[in-house]
Amino acid sequence: MSGSARTTRSRNAEEIRQDLEKLRRRLRKVEGRDWMGAPGREPAREKVAECECLLDQFEADVYERVGDTGAA
């Protein structure tokens, strides 16, 4: 894999992680406003957790291919 492709994948992983954090914040805000206990709360939490697992797998693949452990 070329250096630019590695950099792009690594950047994509970072951007996706930031988007996931935004999604978590938004979910917390929605839950805070949900005073009626909407039935979709738990499925939404499960989907966000699923996204995190998939992102963790993607990041592991990226860092394995790039040779970066993610440690600063």
Protein backbone atom coordinates (compact mmCIF):
# COMPACT_ATOMS: atom_id res chain seq x y z
CA MET A 1 0.00 0.00 0.00
CA SER A 2 1.36 3.42 -0.89
CA GLY A 3 2.17 6.02 1.73
CA SER A 4 -0.65 8.29 0.59
CA ALA A 5 -3.18 5.44 0.80
CA ARG A 6 -2.01 4.66 4.35
CA THR A 7 -2.30 8.29 5.34
CA THR A 8 -5.78 8.50 3.83
CA ARG A 9 -6.96 5.38 5.68
CA SER A 10 -5.51 6.64 8.94
CA ARG A 11 -7.16 10.04 8.46
CA ASN A 12 -10.46 8.37 7.58
CA ALA A 13 -10.32 6.33 10.79
CA GLU A 14 -9.69 9.49 12.83
CA GLU A 15 -12.57 11.31 11.12
CA ILE A 16 -14.93 8.40 11.70
CA ARG A 17 -13.91 8.29 15.39
CA GLN A 18 -14.72 12.01 15.67
CA ASP A 19 -18.09 11.43 14.00
CA LEU A 20 -18.82 8.61 16.44
CA GLU A 21 -18.08 10.95 19.35
CA LYS A 22 -20.50 13.51 17.85
CA LEU A 23 -23.14 10.79 17.54
CA ARG A 24 -22.66 9.79 21.19
CA ARG A 25 -23.04 13.41 22.31
CA ARG A 26 -26.19 13.78 20.21
CA LEU A 27 -27.64 10.57 21.64
CA ARG A 28 -27.01 11.83 25.19
CA LYS A 29 -28.80 15.09 24.35
CA VAL A 30 -31.77 13.24 22.89
CA GLU A 31 -31.91 10.91 25.90
CA GLY A 32 -31.86 13.95 28.18
CA ARG A 33 -34.92 15.34 26.41
CA ASP A 34 -36.72 12.01 26.31
CA TRP A 35 -38.83 12.39 29.40
CA MET A 36 -41.38 9.83 28.15
CA GLY A 37 -38.92 6.93 27.83
CA ALA A 38 -39.20 6.29 24.10
CA PRO A 39 -38.92 2.61 23.16
CA GLY A 40 -36.15 3.34 20.65
CA ARG A 41 -33.65 4.37 23.33
CA GLU A 42 -32.09 0.95 23.87
CA PRO A 43 -31.91 0.02 20.16
CA ALA A 44 -30.21 3.37 19.52
CA ARG A 45 -27.66 2.67 22.25
CA GLU A 46 -27.06 -0.80 20.80
CA LYS A 47 -26.48 0.61 17.30
CA VAL A 48 -23.98 3.16 18.60
CA ALA A 49 -22.17 0.37 20.47
CA GLU A 50 -22.18 -1.72 17.29
CA CYS A 51 -20.70 1.21 15.36
CA GLU A 52 -17.94 1.48 17.97
CA CYS A 53 -17.10 -2.21 17.62
CA LEU A 54 -16.96 -1.94 13.84
CA LEU A 55 -14.80 1.17 14.08
CA ASP A 56 -12.44 -0.57 16.52
CA GLN A 57 -12.05 -3.39 13.99
CA PHE A 58 -11.45 -0.91 11.17
CA GLU A 59 -8.86 0.98 13.21
CA ALA A 60 -7.06 -2.24 14.12
CA ASP A 61 -6.92 -3.13 10.43
CA VAL A 62 -5.66 0.34 9.51
CA TYR A 63 -2.96 0.36 12.17
CA GLU A 64 -1.92 -3.18 11.24
CA ARG A 65 -1.55 -2.18 7.59
CA VAL A 66 0.07 1.17 8.35
CA GLY A 67 2.34 -0.24 11.04
CA ASP A 68 1.20 2.34 13.58
CA THR A 69 0.12 1.22 17.04
CA GLY A 70 -1.74 4.46 17.66
CA ALA A 71 0.51 5.27 20.60
CA ALA A 72 1.66 8.87 20.75
